[in-house]
């Protein structure tokens, strides 16, 4: 799947959440960079009810260290948030709603 298609699907799910009055933002983690740059600022911006961590960094076994970093950053900077996992990029809405 190309990057533009991924972003379009994520935007669609964000719009669905916004349509229900739920504040939601996307923080995209590049696999070739440290995740702090992408996730610390949005996680620290407010208290979150849920953080969805996507399969793009969770499923490929070589990305396990990155996945661990993102989970631990989430625990540190959004300690009150539930953590949810999407099964694919087009079910981020469902993953968030399961934990809200």
C-alpha atoms as a PDB file:
ATOM      1  CA  UNK A   1       0.000   0.000   0.000  1.00  0.00           C
ATOM      2  CA  UNK A   2       1.404   3.401  -0.869  1.00  0.00           C
ATOM      3  CA  UNK A   3       1.773   6.249   1.597  1.00  0.00           C
ATOM      4  CA  UNK A   4      -0.952   8.403   0.058  1.00  0.00           C
ATOM      5  CA  UNK A   5      -3.471   5.565   0.317  1.00  0.00           C
ATOM      6  CA  UNK A   6      -2.541   4.988   3.973  1.00  0.00           C
ATOM      7  CA  UNK A   7      -2.949   8.695   4.768  1.00  0.00           C
ATOM      8  CA  UNK A   8      -6.319   8.806   2.995  1.00  0.00           C
ATOM      9  CA  UNK A   9      -7.625   5.888   5.064  1.00  0.00           C
ATOM     10  CA  UNK A  10      -6.338   7.413   8.304  1.00  0.00           C
ATOM     11  CA  UNK A  11      -7.905  10.763   7.417  1.00  0.00           C
ATOM     12  CA  UNK A  12     -11.222   9.045   6.761  1.00  0.00           C
ATOM     13  CA  UNK A  13     -11.209   7.459  10.217  1.00  0.00           C
ATOM     14  CA  UNK A  14     -10.165  10.748  11.860  1.00  0.00           C
ATOM     15  CA  UNK A  15     -13.093  12.459  10.121  1.00  0.00           C
ATOM     16  CA  UNK A  16     -15.475   9.789  11.463  1.00  0.00           C
ATOM     17  CA  UNK A  17     -14.204  10.388  14.998  1.00  0.00           C
ATOM     18  CA  UNK A  18     -14.424  14.177  14.580  1.00  0.00           C
ATOM     19  CA  UNK A  19     -17.972  13.737  13.272  1.00  0.00           C
ATOM     20  CA  UNK A  20     -18.886  12.167  16.618  1.00  0.00           C
ATOM     21  CA  UNK A  21     -17.306  15.054  18.523  1.00  0.00           C
ATOM     22  CA  UNK A  22     -14.219  13.029  19.444  1.00  0.00           C
ATOM     23  CA  UNK A  23     -10.912  14.902  19.311  1.00  0.00           C
ATOM     24  CA  UNK A  24      -8.385  12.800  17.440  1.00  0.00           C
ATOM     25  CA  UNK A  25      -5.008  13.396  15.854  1.00  0.00           C
ATOM     26  CA  UNK A  26      -2.621  11.265  13.894  1.00  0.00           C
ATOM     27  CA  UNK A  27       1.066  10.902  14.735  1.00  0.00           C
ATOM     28  CA  UNK A  28       2.888   9.044  12.017  1.00  0.00           C
ATOM     29  CA  UNK A  29       6.094   7.288  13.015  1.00  0.00           C
ATOM     30  CA  UNK A  30       8.731   6.895  10.342  1.00  0.00           C
ATOM     31  CA  UNK A  31      10.445   3.535  10.625  1.00  0.00           C
ATOM     32  CA  UNK A  32      13.823   5.073   9.810  1.00  0.00           C
ATOM     33  CA  UNK A  33      13.707   7.669  12.629  1.00  0.00           C
ATOM     34  CA  UNK A  34      13.451   7.658  16.400  1.00  0.00           C
ATOM     35  CA  UNK A  35       9.769   7.748  17.375  1.00  0.00           C
ATOM     36  CA  UNK A  36      10.104  10.495  20.004  1.00  0.00           C
ATOM     37  CA  UNK A  37      10.010  13.219  17.351  1.00  0.00           C
ATOM     38  CA  UNK A  38       6.629  12.015  16.098  1.00  0.00           C
ATOM     39  CA  UNK A  39       4.810  10.949  19.265  1.00  0.00           C
ATOM     40  CA  UNK A  40       5.991  12.883  22.343  1.00  0.00           C
ATOM     41  CA  UNK A  41       4.493  16.249  21.381  1.00  0.00           C
ATOM     42  CA  UNK A  42       0.999  14.982  20.484  1.00  0.00           C
ATOM     43  CA  UNK A  43       0.914  12.605  23.453  1.00  0.00           C
ATOM     44  CA  UNK A  44       1.922  15.435  25.792  1.00  0.00           C
ATOM     45  CA  UNK A  45      -0.514  17.975  24.337  1.00  0.00           C
ATOM     46  CA  UNK A  46      -3.463  16.824  26.443  1.00  0.00           C
ATOM     47  CA  UNK A  47      -4.867  13.845  28.294  1.00  0.00           C
ATOM     48  CA  UNK A  48      -5.958  11.121  25.921  1.00  0.00           C
ATOM     49  CA  UNK A  49      -8.593   8.450  26.476  1.00  0.00           C
ATOM     50  CA  UNK A  50      -7.118   6.039  23.961  1.00  0.00           C
ATOM     51  CA  UNK A  51      -4.021   5.723  21.785  1.00  0.00           C
ATOM     52  CA  UNK A  52      -4.208   3.455  18.735  1.00  0.00           C
ATOM     53  CA  UNK A  53      -0.907   1.887  17.679  1.00  0.00           C
ATOM     54  CA  UNK A  54      -0.987   0.672  14.121  1.00  0.00           C
ATOM     55  CA  UNK A  55      -0.013  -2.625  12.623  1.00  0.00           C
ATOM     56  CA  UNK A  56       2.524  -0.969  10.356  1.00  0.00           C
ATOM     57  CA  UNK A  57       4.975  -0.895  13.246  1.00  0.00           C
ATOM     58  CA  UNK A  58       3.475  -3.750  15.249  1.00  0.00           C
ATOM     59  CA  UNK A  59       3.311  -6.585  12.758  1.00  0.00           C
ATOM     60  CA  UNK A  60       6.646  -6.731  10.926  1.00  0.00           C
ATOM     61  CA  UNK A  61       8.936  -8.646  13.284  1.00  0.00           C
ATOM     62  CA  UNK A  62      12.025  -6.577  12.397  1.00  0.00           C
ATOM     63  CA  UNK A  63      10.183  -3.515  13.787  1.00  0.00           C
ATOM     64  CA  UNK A  64       9.662  -5.046  17.241  1.00  0.00           C
ATOM     65  CA  UNK A  65      12.151  -2.634  18.929  1.00  0.00           C
ATOM     66  CA  UNK A  66      10.330   0.344  17.363  1.00  0.00           C
ATOM     67  CA  UNK A  67       6.981  -1.037  18.494  1.00  0.00           C
ATOM     68  CA  UNK A  68       8.307  -1.422  22.045  1.00  0.00           C
ATOM     69  CA  UNK A  69       9.569   2.174  22.010  1.00  0.00           C
ATOM     70  CA  UNK A  70       6.177   3.488  20.886  1.00  0.00           C
ATOM     71  CA  UNK A  71       4.316   1.475  23.543  1.00  0.00           C
ATOM     72  CA  UNK A  72       6.662   2.708  26.260  1.00  0.00           C
ATOM     73  CA  UNK A  73       6.451   6.321  25.067  1.00  0.00           C
ATOM     74  CA  UNK A  74       2.674   5.995  25.148  1.00  0.00           C
ATOM     75  CA  UNK A  75       2.781   4.676  28.708  1.00  0.00           C
ATOM     76  CA  UNK A  76       5.107   7.518  29.747  1.00  0.00           C
ATOM     77  CA  UNK A  77       3.446  10.469  27.999  1.00  0.00           C
ATOM     78  CA  UNK A  78      -0.203   9.324  28.029  1.00  0.00           C
ATOM     79  CA  UNK A  79      -0.355   7.268  31.235  1.00  0.00           C
ATOM     80  CA  UNK A  80      -4.133   7.474  31.558  1.00  0.00           C
ATOM     81  CA  UNK A  81      -4.856   6.355  28.010  1.00  0.00           C
ATOM     82  CA  UNK A  82      -6.057   2.944  27.019  1.00  0.00           C
ATOM     83  CA  UNK A  83      -3.930   1.398  24.280  1.00  0.00           C
ATOM     84  CA  UNK A  84      -5.688  -0.077  21.258  1.00  0.00           C
ATOM     85  CA  UNK A  85      -4.349  -1.818  18.183  1.00  0.00           C
ATOM     86  CA  UNK A  86      -5.835  -1.735  14.722  1.00  0.00           C
ATOM     87  CA  UNK A  87      -5.874  -4.839  12.561  1.00  0.00           C
ATOM     88  CA  UNK A  88      -5.314  -2.812   9.406  1.00  0.00           C
ATOM     89  CA  UNK A  89      -5.015   0.833   8.453  1.00  0.00           C
ATOM     90  CA  UNK A  90      -8.709   1.042   7.583  1.00  0.00           C
ATOM     91  CA  UNK A  91     -10.031   0.023  10.998  1.00  0.00           C
ATOM     92  CA  UNK A  92      -8.404   2.652  13.195  1.00  0.00           C
ATOM     93  CA  UNK A  93     -11.863   4.064  13.960  1.00  0.00           C
ATOM     94  CA  UNK A  94     -13.086   0.683  15.197  1.00  0.00           C
ATOM     95  CA  UNK A  95      -9.966   0.158  17.300  1.00  0.00           C
ATOM     96  CA  UNK A  96     -10.393   3.538  19.001  1.00  0.00           C
ATOM     97  CA  UNK A  97     -14.113   3.013  19.586  1.00  0.00           C
ATOM     98  CA  UNK A  98     -13.494  -0.372  21.264  1.00  0.00           C
ATOM     99  CA  UNK A  99     -11.569   1.398  24.039  1.00  0.00           C
ATOM    100  CA  UNK A 100     -13.682   4.558  24.385  1.00  0.00           C
END
